[in-house]
Amino acid sequence: MVAAFATQIELDASGVPWIVGTRVKVAEVVLDKLAHGWSPEEIHLQHPHLSLAQIHGALTYYYENQLELDAQMAGELRESLDLAERLADPAWQQRLAQLTPVR
């Protein structure tokens, strides 16, 4: 007997997994679970546009690919922290202001 399952996840050109038919990354669902300790049902209450099947699919994908996704999320966090540090730098803010036309 062969079983076939419809996947709820697709990878973009950069290898980032997304929930099919949405604009939600798997990492967003995972971070809701990790940061807030939310159950799939609570995630569904907070994001009613996602079905429980989509949420469970995202969590399943994460647990099957945890090392890779943890590395992706850590890289995104580093990029965010680097950007925040640059934005806080007065010299960088001045350079940015010179590039942006004032309205």
Protein backbone atom coordinates (compact mmCIF):
# COMPACT_ATOMS: atom_id res chain seq x y z
CA MET A 1 0.00 0.00 0.00
CA VAL A 2 1.31 3.46 -0.94
CA ALA A 3 0.20 6.55 0.93
CA ALA A 4 0.40 10.01 -0.57
CA PHE A 5 0.14 13.20 1.46
CA ALA A 6 -0.48 16.72 0.23
CA THR A 7 2.24 19.02 1.44
CA GLN A 8 1.43 22.32 3.06
CA ILE A 9 4.95 23.71 2.54
CA GLU A 10 6.83 25.10 -0.45
CA LEU A 11 10.38 26.42 -0.72
CA ASP A 12 11.13 29.73 -2.42
CA ALA A 13 14.15 30.34 -4.64
CA SER A 14 16.28 31.01 -1.55
CA GLY A 15 15.23 27.75 0.11
CA VAL A 16 12.98 29.46 2.66
CA PRO A 17 9.92 27.34 3.50
CA TRP A 18 6.49 29.00 3.25
CA ILE A 19 2.99 27.73 4.00
CA VAL A 20 1.36 27.10 0.62
CA GLY A 21 -1.21 29.69 -0.41
CA THR A 22 -0.21 32.19 2.27
CA ARG A 23 2.39 34.86 2.93
CA VAL A 24 3.50 33.10 6.10
CA LYS A 25 6.94 31.56 6.56
CA VAL A 26 7.27 28.32 8.49
CA ALA A 27 9.66 30.19 10.79
CA GLU A 28 6.89 32.59 11.81
CA VAL A 29 4.73 29.73 13.10
CA VAL A 30 7.74 28.14 14.78
CA LEU A 31 8.70 31.39 16.50
CA ASP A 32 5.14 31.76 17.83
CA LYS A 33 5.48 28.32 19.39
CA LEU A 34 9.01 28.86 20.73
CA ALA A 35 8.71 32.48 21.87
CA HIS A 36 5.20 32.35 23.31
CA GLY A 37 4.81 28.64 24.05
CA TRP A 38 1.61 28.62 22.01
CA SER A 39 -0.09 25.38 21.06
CA PRO A 40 -1.24 24.90 17.45
CA GLU A 41 -4.74 25.83 18.62
CA GLU A 42 -3.51 29.11 20.15
CA ILE A 43 -1.52 29.88 16.99
CA HIS A 44 -4.75 29.33 15.04
CA LEU A 45 -6.60 31.73 17.36
CA GLN A 46 -3.90 34.35 16.82
CA HIS A 47 -3.75 33.72 13.05
CA PRO A 48 -7.25 32.61 12.01
CA HIS A 49 -6.30 32.79 8.32
CA LEU A 50 -4.16 29.67 8.90
CA SER A 51 -5.86 26.32 9.21
CA LEU A 52 -4.83 23.86 11.89
CA ALA A 53 -3.61 21.58 9.09
CA GLN A 54 -1.32 24.36 7.81
CA ILE A 55 0.00 25.04 11.31
CA HIS A 56 0.64 21.37 11.99
CA GLY A 57 2.26 21.07 8.57
CA ALA A 58 4.60 23.96 9.36
CA LEU A 59 5.54 22.48 12.73
CA THR A 60 6.07 19.04 11.19
CA TYR A 61 8.32 20.54 8.53
CA TYR A 62 10.27 22.34 11.23
CA TYR A 63 10.83 19.26 13.35
CA GLU A 64 11.89 17.26 10.29
CA ASN A 65 14.37 20.01 9.27
CA GLN A 66 15.17 21.58 12.63
CA LEU A 67 18.93 22.04 12.26
CA GLU A 68 18.60 23.74 8.88
CA LEU A 69 15.72 25.99 9.95
CA ASP A 70 17.39 26.91 13.23
CA ALA A 71 20.45 27.97 11.22
CA GLN A 72 18.25 30.03 8.84
CA MET A 73 16.48 31.74 11.73
CA ALA A 74 19.79 32.45 13.49
CA GLY A 75 21.12 34.02 10.28
CA GLU A 76 18.03 36.19 9.94
CA LEU A 77 18.38 37.27 13.57
CA ARG A 78 22.03 38.23 12.98
CA GLU A 79 21.02 40.27 9.92
CA SER A 80 18.29 42.03 11.92
CA LEU A 81 20.66 42.84 14.77
CA ASP A 82 23.27 44.11 12.32
CA LEU A 83 20.69 46.34 10.64
CA ALA A 84 19.48 47.66 14.01
CA GLU A 85 23.07 48.44 14.98
CA ARG A 86 23.68 50.29 11.71
CA LEU A 87 20.43 52.25 12.11
CA ALA A 88 21.50 53.34 15.59
CA ASP A 89 24.85 54.63 14.28
CA PRO A 90 24.60 58.45 13.90
CA ALA A 91 27.11 58.51 11.03
CA TRP A 92 25.07 55.91 9.12
CA GLN A 93 21.85 57.84 9.82
CA GLN A 94 23.47 60.97 8.41
CA ARG A 95 24.57 59.12 5.24
CA LEU A 96 21.08 57.69 4.87
CA ALA A 97 19.49 61.13 5.31
CA GLN A 98 21.69 62.50 2.54
CA LEU A 99 20.43 59.78 0.17
CA THR A 100 16.76 60.18 1.02
CA PRO A 101 15.01 63.23 -0.42
CA VAL A 102 13.16 65.24 2.21
CA ARG A 103 9.52 65.93 1.36
